[in-house]
Each structure stands twice: as C-alpha cells, then as structure tokens.
Amino acid sequence: MPQGSVLGPVLFLILINDLDSGLSSSVLKFADDTKLYRPVNNQMNGMNLQHDLDIVSNWAKWWQMEFNFFEVQGHALWQEEHWLQL
C-alpha cells in the first residue's frame, strides 16, 4: 500500500486487530504505535510480561513484520519504597 493512501491506515488497523489476542497485559494501539504494559511488582508479573512480549514477537514473525527497536522503551517507576524495573 503506498504511503499517504486513504486505505493504508484502515488496512493496517485490520491487520493488527488480533495483535492483543491471548495477552494478559494491556495493549494501547494508536496509528502505527503499540504499547504493551502491566504493573510488575513481583517475579510472576515480570514473567507474564515477558511471555506476552514473546507472543507479540511471534505474531510479528508470522506476519513478517518488524519492530523498530530504536523506539522500544522500558520504564522504571517508584512505588511504595520499591523500584519497579520494566
């Protein structure tokens, strides 16, 4: 689909509509940006987040899509005297 076409964004949204199927984490999608997030306050939550990232990675391989890893970010938040590394 040529860049700037009218149908391009609609077809892209249809393509990624199933991206969040089977994920336990929350997903925000806007245009071509996707954010996967969840609170990580114990090891099990961290493992669940990693599992969801693996699912998304496999989904991308299946659809022959690539992530721009220069834009991938993790955030650490302070909560109740503990550091949470995302």
PDB file of N, CA and C in Angstrom:
ATOM      1  N   MET A   1       0.851  -1.164   0.000  1.00  0.00           N
ATOM      2  CA  MET A   1       0.000   0.000   0.000  1.00  0.00           C
ATOM      3  C   MET A   1       0.903   1.235   0.000  1.00  0.00           C
ATOM      4  N   PRO A   2       0.721   2.136  -0.951  1.00  0.00           N
ATOM      5  CA  PRO A   2       1.553   3.346  -1.000  1.00  0.00           C
ATOM      6  C   PRO A   2       1.343   4.235   0.231  1.00  0.00           C
ATOM      7  N   GLN A   3       2.438   4.852   0.660  1.00  0.00           N
ATOM      8  CA  GLN A   3       2.345   5.763   1.800  1.00  0.00           C
ATOM      9  C   GLN A   3       1.477   6.957   1.417  1.00  0.00           C
ATOM     10  N   GLY A   4       0.619   7.367   2.337  1.00  0.00           N
ATOM     11  CA  GLY A   4      -0.253   8.504   2.090  1.00  0.00           C
ATOM     12  C   GLY A   4      -1.586   8.118   1.482  1.00  0.00           C
ATOM     13  N   SER A   5      -1.815   6.821   1.264  1.00  0.00           N
ATOM     14  CA  SER A   5      -3.086   6.409   0.682  1.00  0.00           C
ATOM     15  C   SER A   5      -4.199   6.499   1.720  1.00  0.00           C
ATOM     16  N   VAL A   6      -5.422   6.562   1.245  1.00  0.00           N
ATOM     17  CA  VAL A   6      -6.578   6.663   2.135  1.00  0.00           C
ATOM     18  C   VAL A   6      -6.840   5.324   2.825  1.00  0.00           C
ATOM     19  N   LEU A   7      -6.669   4.213   2.113  1.00  0.00           N
ATOM     20  CA  LEU A   7      -6.971   2.901   2.679  1.00  0.00           C
ATOM     21  C   LEU A   7      -5.848   2.352   3.546  1.00  0.00           C
ATOM     22  N   GLY A   8      -4.633   2.870   3.415  1.00  0.00           N
ATOM     23  CA  GLY A   8      -3.489   2.346   4.150  1.00  0.00           C
ATOM     24  C   GLY A   8      -3.711   2.228   5.647  1.00  0.00           C
ATOM     25  N   PRO A   9      -4.106   3.304   6.340  1.00  0.00           N
ATOM     26  CA  PRO A   9      -4.321   3.212   7.787  1.00  0.00           C
ATOM     27  C   PRO A   9      -5.426   2.236   8.179  1.00  0.00           C
ATOM     28  N   VAL A  10      -6.486   2.174   7.399  1.00  0.00           N
ATOM     29  CA  VAL A  10      -7.588   1.260   7.715  1.00  0.00           C
ATOM     30  C   VAL A  10      -7.130  -0.183   7.559  1.00  0.00           C
ATOM     31  N   LEU A  11      -6.428  -0.481   6.475  1.00  0.00           N
ATOM     32  CA  LEU A  11      -5.940  -1.843   6.267  1.00  0.00           C
ATOM     33  C   LEU A  11      -4.921  -2.238   7.328  1.00  0.00           C
ATOM     34  N   PHE A  12      -4.086  -1.284   7.747  1.00  0.00           N
ATOM     35  CA  PHE A  12      -3.118  -1.569   8.801  1.00  0.00           C
ATOM     36  C   PHE A  12      -3.823  -1.909  10.105  1.00  0.00           C
ATOM     37  N   LEU A  13      -4.864  -1.164  10.456  1.00  0.00           N
ATOM     38  CA  LEU A  13      -5.611  -1.443  11.683  1.00  0.00           C
ATOM     39  C   LEU A  13      -6.291  -2.804  11.625  1.00  0.00           C
ATOM     40  N   ILE A  14      -6.775  -3.182  10.461  1.00  0.00           N
ATOM     41  CA  ILE A  14      -7.375  -4.512  10.299  1.00  0.00           C
ATOM     42  C   ILE A  14      -6.305  -5.576  10.492  1.00  0.00           C
ATOM     43  N   LEU A  15      -5.120  -5.355   9.935  1.00  0.00           N
ATOM     44  CA  LEU A  15      -4.023  -6.315  10.048  1.00  0.00           C
ATOM     45  C   LEU A  15      -3.615  -6.532  11.499  1.00  0.00           C
ATOM     46  N   ILE A  16      -3.493  -5.460  12.282  1.00  0.00           N
ATOM     47  CA  ILE A  16      -3.011  -5.605  13.659  1.00  0.00           C
ATOM     48  C   ILE A  16      -4.140  -5.806  14.663  1.00  0.00           C
ATOM     49  N   ASN A  17      -5.363  -5.955  14.208  1.00  0.00           N
ATOM     50  CA  ASN A  17      -6.502  -6.085  15.113  1.00  0.00           C
ATOM     51  C   ASN A  17      -6.349  -7.255  16.075  1.00  0.00           C
ATOM     52  N   ASP A  18      -5.729  -8.356  15.647  1.00  0.00           N
ATOM     53  CA  ASP A  18      -5.596  -9.532  16.506  1.00  0.00           C
ATOM     54  C   ASP A  18      -4.291  -9.551  17.300  1.00  0.00           C
ATOM     55  N   LEU A  19      -3.518  -8.472  17.258  1.00  0.00           N
ATOM     56  CA  LEU A  19      -2.232  -8.417  17.952  1.00  0.00           C
ATOM     57  C   LEU A  19      -2.353  -8.722  19.437  1.00  0.00           C
ATOM     58  N   ASP A  20      -3.410  -8.273  20.093  1.00  0.00           N
ATOM     59  CA  ASP A  20      -3.540  -8.450  21.534  1.00  0.00           C
ATOM     60  C   ASP A  20      -4.300  -9.710  21.933  1.00  0.00           C
ATOM     61  N   SER A  21      -4.579 -10.601  20.985  1.00  0.00           N
ATOM     62  CA  SER A  21      -5.273 -11.855  21.316  1.00  0.00           C
ATOM     63  C   SER A  21      -4.389 -12.742  22.184  1.00  0.00           C
ATOM     64  N   GLY A  22      -4.911 -13.182  23.298  1.00  0.00           N
ATOM     65  CA  GLY A  22      -4.192 -14.096  24.172  1.00  0.00           C
ATOM     66  C   GLY A  22      -3.201 -13.437  25.115  1.00  0.00           C
ATOM     67  N   LEU A  23      -3.165 -12.122  25.163  1.00  0.00           N
ATOM     68  CA  LEU A  23      -2.229 -11.428  26.050  1.00  0.00           C
ATOM     69  C   LEU A  23      -2.885 -11.148  27.395  1.00  0.00           C
ATOM     70  N   SER A  24      -2.099 -11.270  28.465  1.00  0.00           N
ATOM     71  CA  SER A  24      -2.613 -10.922  29.783  1.00  0.00           C
ATOM     72  C   SER A  24      -2.293  -9.467  30.133  1.00  0.00           C
ATOM     73  N   SER A  25      -1.365  -8.859  29.403  1.00  0.00           N
ATOM     74  CA  SER A  25      -1.015  -7.453  29.603  1.00  0.00           C
ATOM     75  C   SER A  25      -1.978  -6.563  28.834  1.00  0.00           C
ATOM     76  N   SER A  26      -2.026  -5.305  29.193  1.00  0.00           N
ATOM     77  CA  SER A  26      -2.860  -4.339  28.483  1.00  0.00           C
ATOM     78  C   SER A  26      -2.127  -3.836  27.247  1.00  0.00           C
ATOM     79  N   VAL A  27      -2.890  -3.481  26.224  1.00  0.00           N
ATOM     80  CA  VAL A  27      -2.318  -3.016  24.965  1.00  0.00           C
ATOM     81  C   VAL A  27      -3.010  -1.723  24.558  1.00  0.00           C
ATOM     82  N   LEU A  28      -2.210  -0.732  24.196  1.00  0.00           N
ATOM     83  CA  LEU A  28      -2.724   0.508  23.610  1.00  0.00           C
ATOM     84  C   LEU A  28      -2.228   0.588  22.176  1.00  0.00           C
ATOM     85  N   LYS A  29      -3.147   0.842  21.245  1.00  0.00           N
ATOM     86  CA  LYS A  29      -2.781   0.974  19.836  1.00  0.00           C
ATOM     87  C   LYS A  29      -3.266   2.331  19.337  1.00  0.00           C
ATOM     88  N   PHE A  30      -2.375   3.041  18.667  1.00  0.00           N
ATOM     89  CA  PHE A  30      -2.732   4.308  18.034  1.00  0.00           C
ATOM     90  C   PHE A  30      -1.924   4.411  16.757  1.00  0.00           C
ATOM     91  N   ALA A  31      -2.614   4.472  15.639  1.00  0.00           N
ATOM     92  CA  ALA A  31      -1.973   4.513  14.318  1.00  0.00           C
ATOM     93  C   ALA A  31      -0.995   3.337  14.229  1.00  0.00           C
ATOM     94  N   ASP A  32       0.297   3.611  14.033  1.00  0.00           N
ATOM     95  CA  ASP A  32       1.256   2.506  13.935  1.00  0.00           C
ATOM     96  C   ASP A  32       2.075   2.332  15.211  1.00  0.00           C
ATOM     97  N   ASP A  33       1.626   2.918  16.315  1.00  0.00           N
ATOM     98  CA  ASP A  33       2.299   2.756  17.607  1.00  0.00           C
ATOM     99  C   ASP A  33       1.510   1.782  18.473  1.00  0.00           C
ATOM    100  N   THR A  34       2.235   0.910  19.146  1.00  0.00           N
ATOM    101  CA  THR A  34       1.619  -0.055  20.050  1.00  0.00           C
ATOM    102  C   THR A  34       2.375  -0.052  21.359  1.00  0.00           C
ATOM    103  N   LYS A  35       1.652  -0.039  22.460  1.00  0.00           N
ATOM    104  CA  LYS A  35       2.264  -0.091  23.781  1.00  0.00           C
ATOM    105  C   LYS A  35       1.685  -1.275  24.538  1.00  0.00           C
ATOM    106  N   LEU A  36       2.572  -2.090  25.079  1.00  0.00           N
ATOM    107  CA  LEU A  36       2.207  -3.234  25.898  1.00  0.00           C
ATOM    108  C   LEU A  36       2.632  -2.896  27.323  1.00  0.00           C
ATOM    109  N   TYR A  37       1.723  -2.988  28.280  1.00  0.00           N
ATOM    110  CA  TYR A  37       2.077  -2.573  29.633  1.00  0.00           C
ATOM    111  C   TYR A  37       1.319  -3.372  30.679  1.00  0.00           C
ATOM    112  N   ARG A  38       1.900  -3.414  31.865  1.00  0.00           N
ATOM    113  CA  ARG A  38       1.284  -4.029  33.031  1.00  0.00           C
ATOM    114  C   ARG A  38       2.100  -3.658  34.255  1.00  0.00           C
ATOM    115  N   PRO A  39       1.492  -3.644  35.429  1.00  0.00           N
ATOM    116  CA  PRO A  39       2.277  -3.427  36.640  1.00  0.00           C
ATOM    117  C   PRO A  39       3.145  -4.659  36.909  1.00  0.00           C
ATOM    118  N   VAL A  40       4.389  -4.427  37.265  1.00  0.00           N
ATOM    119  CA  VAL A  40       5.305  -5.519  37.599  1.00  0.00           C
ATOM    120  C   VAL A  40       5.784  -5.277  39.024  1.00  0.00           C
ATOM    121  N   ASN A  41       5.171  -5.974  39.970  1.00  0.00           N
ATOM    122  CA  ASN A  41       5.562  -5.810  41.367  1.00  0.00           C
ATOM    123  C   ASN A  41       6.040  -7.112  41.997  1.00  0.00           C
ATOM    124  N   ASN A  42       6.168  -8.151  41.176  1.00  0.00           N
ATOM    125  CA  ASN A  42       6.752  -9.410  41.642  1.00  0.00           C
ATOM    126  C   ASN A  42       7.286 -10.180  40.437  1.00  0.00           C
ATOM    127  N   GLN A  43       7.976 -11.262  40.721  1.00  0.00           N
ATOM    128  CA  GLN A  43       8.621 -12.021  39.649  1.00  0.00           C
ATOM    129  C   GLN A  43       7.599 -12.612  38.683  1.00  0.00           C
ATOM    130  N   MET A  44       6.460 -13.071  39.182  1.00  0.00           N
ATOM    131  CA  MET A  44       5.448 -13.672  38.313  1.00  0.00           C
ATOM    132  C   MET A  44       4.909 -12.660  37.304  1.00  0.00           C
ATOM    133  N   ASN A  45       4.668 -11.412  37.734  1.00  0.00           N
ATOM    134  CA  ASN A  45       4.216 -10.380  36.804  1.00  0.00           C
ATOM    135  C   ASN A  45       5.272 -10.100  35.744  1.00  0.00           C
ATOM    136  N   GLY A  46       6.538 -10.107  36.140  1.00  0.00           N
ATOM    137  CA  GLY A  46       7.614  -9.924  35.176  1.00  0.00           C
ATOM    138  C   GLY A  46       7.667 -11.061  34.168  1.00  0.00           C
ATOM    139  N   MET A  47       7.459 -12.284  34.635  1.00  0.00           N
ATOM    140  CA  MET A  47       7.446 -13.437  33.733  1.00  0.00           C
ATOM    141  C   MET A  47       6.252 -13.373  32.785  1.00  0.00           C
ATOM    142  N   ASN A  48       5.109 -12.918  33.296  1.00  0.00           N
ATOM    143  CA  ASN A  48       3.921 -12.782  32.437  1.00  0.00           C
ATOM    144  C   ASN A  48       4.139 -11.720  31.364  1.00  0.00           C
ATOM    145  N   LEU A  49       4.776 -10.614  31.742  1.00  0.00           N
ATOM    146  CA  LEU A  49       5.083  -9.575  30.756  1.00  0.00           C
ATOM    147  C   LEU A  49       6.021 -10.116  29.694  1.00  0.00           C
ATOM    148  N   GLN A  50       7.059 -10.855  30.101  1.00  0.00           N
ATOM    149  CA  GLN A  50       7.982 -11.433  29.130  1.00  0.00           C
ATOM    150  C   GLN A  50       7.261 -12.409  28.212  1.00  0.00           C
ATOM    151  N   HIS A  51       6.353 -13.205  28.769  1.00  0.00           N
ATOM    152  CA  HIS A  51       5.583 -14.148  27.958  1.00  0.00           C
ATOM    153  C   HIS A  51       4.762 -13.398  26.907  1.00  0.00           C
ATOM    154  N   ASP A  52       4.132 -12.309  27.310  1.00  0.00           N
ATOM    155  CA  ASP A  52       3.354 -11.505  26.363  1.00  0.00           C
ATOM    156  C   ASP A  52       4.252 -10.896  25.287  1.00  0.00           C
ATOM    157  N   LEU A  53       5.446 -10.441  25.673  1.00  0.00           N
ATOM    158  CA  LEU A  53       6.387  -9.911  24.680  1.00  0.00           C
ATOM    159  C   LEU A  53       6.793 -10.993  23.687  1.00  0.00           C
ATOM    160  N   ASP A  54       6.974 -12.219  24.173  1.00  0.00           N
ATOM    161  CA  ASP A  54       7.299 -13.342  23.281  1.00  0.00           C
ATOM    162  C   ASP A  54       6.154 -13.620  22.310  1.00  0.00           C
ATOM    163  N   ILE A  55       4.909 -13.553  22.811  1.00  0.00           N
ATOM    164  CA  ILE A  55       3.740 -13.767  21.944  1.00  0.00           C
ATOM    165  C   ILE A  55       3.694 -12.705  20.849  1.00  0.00           C
ATOM    166  N   VAL A  56       3.909 -11.441  21.226  1.00  0.00           N
ATOM    167  CA  VAL A  56       3.888 -10.350  20.249  1.00  0.00           C
ATOM    168  C   VAL A  56       5.021 -10.522  19.233  1.00  0.00           C
ATOM    169  N   SER A  57       6.184 -10.948  19.704  1.00  0.00           N
ATOM    170  CA  SER A  57       7.309 -11.184  18.798  1.00  0.00           C
ATOM    171  C   SER A  57       6.988 -12.291  17.800  1.00  0.00           C
ATOM    172  N   ASN A  58       6.384 -13.376  18.271  1.00  0.00           N
ATOM    173  CA  ASN A  58       5.997 -14.469  17.372  1.00  0.00           C
ATOM    174  C   ASN A  58       4.921 -14.019  16.389  1.00  0.00           C
ATOM    175  N   TRP A  59       3.998 -13.189  16.858  1.00  0.00           N
ATOM    176  CA  TRP A  59       2.965 -12.648  15.973  1.00  0.00           C
ATOM    177  C   TRP A  59       3.614 -11.850  14.845  1.00  0.00           C
ATOM    178  N   ALA A  60       4.583 -11.020  15.188  1.00  0.00           N
ATOM    179  CA  ALA A  60       5.269 -10.193  14.186  1.00  0.00           C
ATOM    180  C   ALA A  60       6.008 -11.058  13.175  1.00  0.00           C
ATOM    181  N   LYS A  61       6.648 -12.116  13.646  1.00  0.00           N
ATOM    182  CA  LYS A  61       7.349 -13.022  12.720  1.00  0.00           C
ATOM    183  C   LYS A  61       6.359 -13.692  11.772  1.00  0.00           C
ATOM    184  N   TRP A  62       5.216 -14.122  12.311  1.00  0.00           N
ATOM    185  CA  TRP A  62       4.196 -14.778  11.494  1.00  0.00           C
ATOM    186  C   TRP A  62       3.720 -13.861  10.364  1.00  0.00           C
ATOM    187  N   TRP A  63       3.510 -12.578  10.675  1.00  0.00           N
ATOM    188  CA  TRP A  63       3.015 -11.623   9.690  1.00  0.00           C
ATOM    189  C   TRP A  63       4.147 -10.899   8.953  1.00  0.00           C
ATOM    190  N   GLN A  64       5.388 -11.356   9.168  1.00  0.00           N
ATOM    191  CA  GLN A  64       6.570 -10.804   8.506  1.00  0.00           C
ATOM    192  C   GLN A  64       6.671  -9.286   8.721  1.00  0.00           C
ATOM    193  N   MET A  65       6.451  -8.906   9.979  1.00  0.00           N
ATOM    194  CA  MET A  65       6.580  -7.501  10.359  1.00  0.00           C
ATOM    195  C   MET A  65       7.797  -7.364  11.264  1.00  0.00           C
ATOM    196  N   GLU A  66       8.344  -6.175  11.339  1.00  0.00           N
ATOM    197  CA  GLU A  66       9.491  -5.916  12.191  1.00  0.00           C
ATOM    198  C   GLU A  66       9.175  -4.770  13.139  1.00  0.00           C
ATOM    199  N   PHE A  67       9.773  -4.835  14.323  1.00  0.00           N
ATOM    200  CA  PHE A  67       9.655  -3.756  15.285  1.00  0.00           C
ATOM    201  C   PHE A  67      10.843  -2.824  15.128  1.00  0.00           C
ATOM    202  N   ASN A  68      10.623  -1.556  15.331  1.00  0.00           N
ATOM    203  CA  ASN A  68      11.706  -0.584  15.344  1.00  0.00           C
ATOM    204  C   ASN A  68      12.274  -0.559  16.760  1.00  0.00           C
ATOM    205  N   PHE A  69      13.353  -1.310  16.977  1.00  0.00           N
ATOM    206  CA  PHE A  69      13.897  -1.445  18.326  1.00  0.00           C
ATOM    207  C   PHE A  69      14.544  -0.168  18.832  1.00  0.00           C
ATOM    208  N   PHE A  70      14.766   0.801  17.958  1.00  0.00           N
ATOM    209  CA  PHE A  70      15.289   2.080  18.416  1.00  0.00           C
ATOM    210  C   PHE A  70      14.220   2.867  19.165  1.00  0.00           C
ATOM    211  N   GLU A  71      12.962   2.512  18.967  1.00  0.00           N
ATOM    212  CA  GLU A  71      11.868   3.197  19.649  1.00  0.00           C
ATOM    213  C   GLU A  71      11.316   2.402  20.826  1.00  0.00           C
ATOM    214  N   VAL A  72      11.802   1.184  21.046  1.00  0.00           N
ATOM    215  CA  VAL A  72      11.324   0.355  22.149  1.00  0.00           C
ATOM    216  C   VAL A  72      11.880   0.911  23.452  1.00  0.00           C
ATOM    217  N   GLN A  73      11.002   1.060  24.437  1.00  0.00           N
ATOM    218  CA  GLN A  73      11.414   1.651  25.711  1.00  0.00           C
ATOM    219  C   GLN A  73      10.862   0.838  26.870  1.00  0.00           C
ATOM    220  N   GLY A  74      11.591   0.856  27.946  1.00  0.00           N
ATOM    221  CA  GLY A  74      11.115   0.324  29.219  1.00  0.00           C
ATOM    222  C   GLY A  74      11.145   1.455  30.226  1.00  0.00           C
ATOM    223  N   HIS A  75      10.309   1.398  31.210  1.00  0.00           N
ATOM    224  CA  HIS A  75      10.240   2.468  32.196  1.00  0.00           C
ATOM    225  C   HIS A  75      10.314   1.879  33.603  1.00  0.00           C
ATOM    226  N   ALA A  76      11.020   2.546  34.454  1.00  0.00           N
ATOM    227  CA  ALA A  76      11.076   2.162  35.867  1.00  0.00           C
ATOM    228  C   ALA A  76      10.278   3.180  36.667  1.00  0.00           C
ATOM    229  N   LEU A  77       9.423   2.696  37.528  1.00  0.00           N
ATOM    230  CA  LEU A  77       8.575   3.567  38.329  1.00  0.00           C
ATOM    231  C   LEU A  77       8.816   3.288  39.809  1.00  0.00           C
ATOM    232  N   TRP A  78       8.699   4.309  40.631  1.00  0.00           N
ATOM    233  CA  TRP A  78       8.862   4.178  42.073  1.00  0.00           C
ATOM    234  C   TRP A  78       7.498   4.012  42.713  1.00  0.00           C
ATOM    235  N   GLN A  79       7.373   2.967  43.542  1.00  0.00           N
ATOM    236  CA  GLN A  79       6.087   2.749  44.207  1.00  0.00           C
ATOM    237  C   GLN A  79       6.336   2.091  45.560  1.00  0.00           C
ATOM    238  N   GLU A  80       5.839   2.689  46.593  1.00  0.00           N
ATOM    239  CA  GLU A  80       5.867   2.129  47.938  1.00  0.00           C
ATOM    240  C   GLU A  80       7.244   1.597  48.328  1.00  0.00           C
ATOM    241  N   GLU A  81       8.267   2.447  48.184  1.00  0.00           N
ATOM    242  CA  GLU A  81       9.622   2.158  48.599  1.00  0.00           C
ATOM    243  C   GLU A  81      10.264   0.994  47.848  1.00  0.00           C
ATOM    244  N   HIS A  82       9.813   0.677  46.659  1.00  0.00           N
ATOM    245  CA  HIS A  82      10.428  -0.369  45.844  1.00  0.00           C
ATOM    246  C   HIS A  82      10.606   0.156  44.426  1.00  0.00           C
ATOM    247  N   TRP A  83      11.727  -0.182  43.820  1.00  0.00           N
ATOM    248  CA  TRP A  83      11.922   0.153  42.410  1.00  0.00           C
ATOM    249  C   TRP A  83      11.288  -0.932  41.568  1.00  0.00           C
ATOM    250  N   LEU A  84      10.543  -0.546  40.579  1.00  0.00           N
ATOM    251  CA  LEU A  84       9.957  -1.481  39.634  1.00  0.00           C
ATOM    252  C   LEU A  84      10.659  -1.262  38.298  1.00  0.00           C
ATOM    253  N   GLN A  85      11.381  -2.243  37.829  1.00  0.00           N
ATOM    254  CA  GLN A  85      12.085  -2.121  36.549  1.00  0.00           C
ATOM    255  C   GLN A  85      11.255  -2.809  35.492  1.00  0.00           C
ATOM    256  N   LEU A  86      10.817  -2.042  34.492  1.00  0.00           N
ATOM    257  CA  LEU A  86      10.021  -2.600  33.394  1.00  0.00           C
ATOM    258  C   LEU A  86      10.883  -2.772  32.179  1.00  0.00           C
TER     259      LEU A  86
END
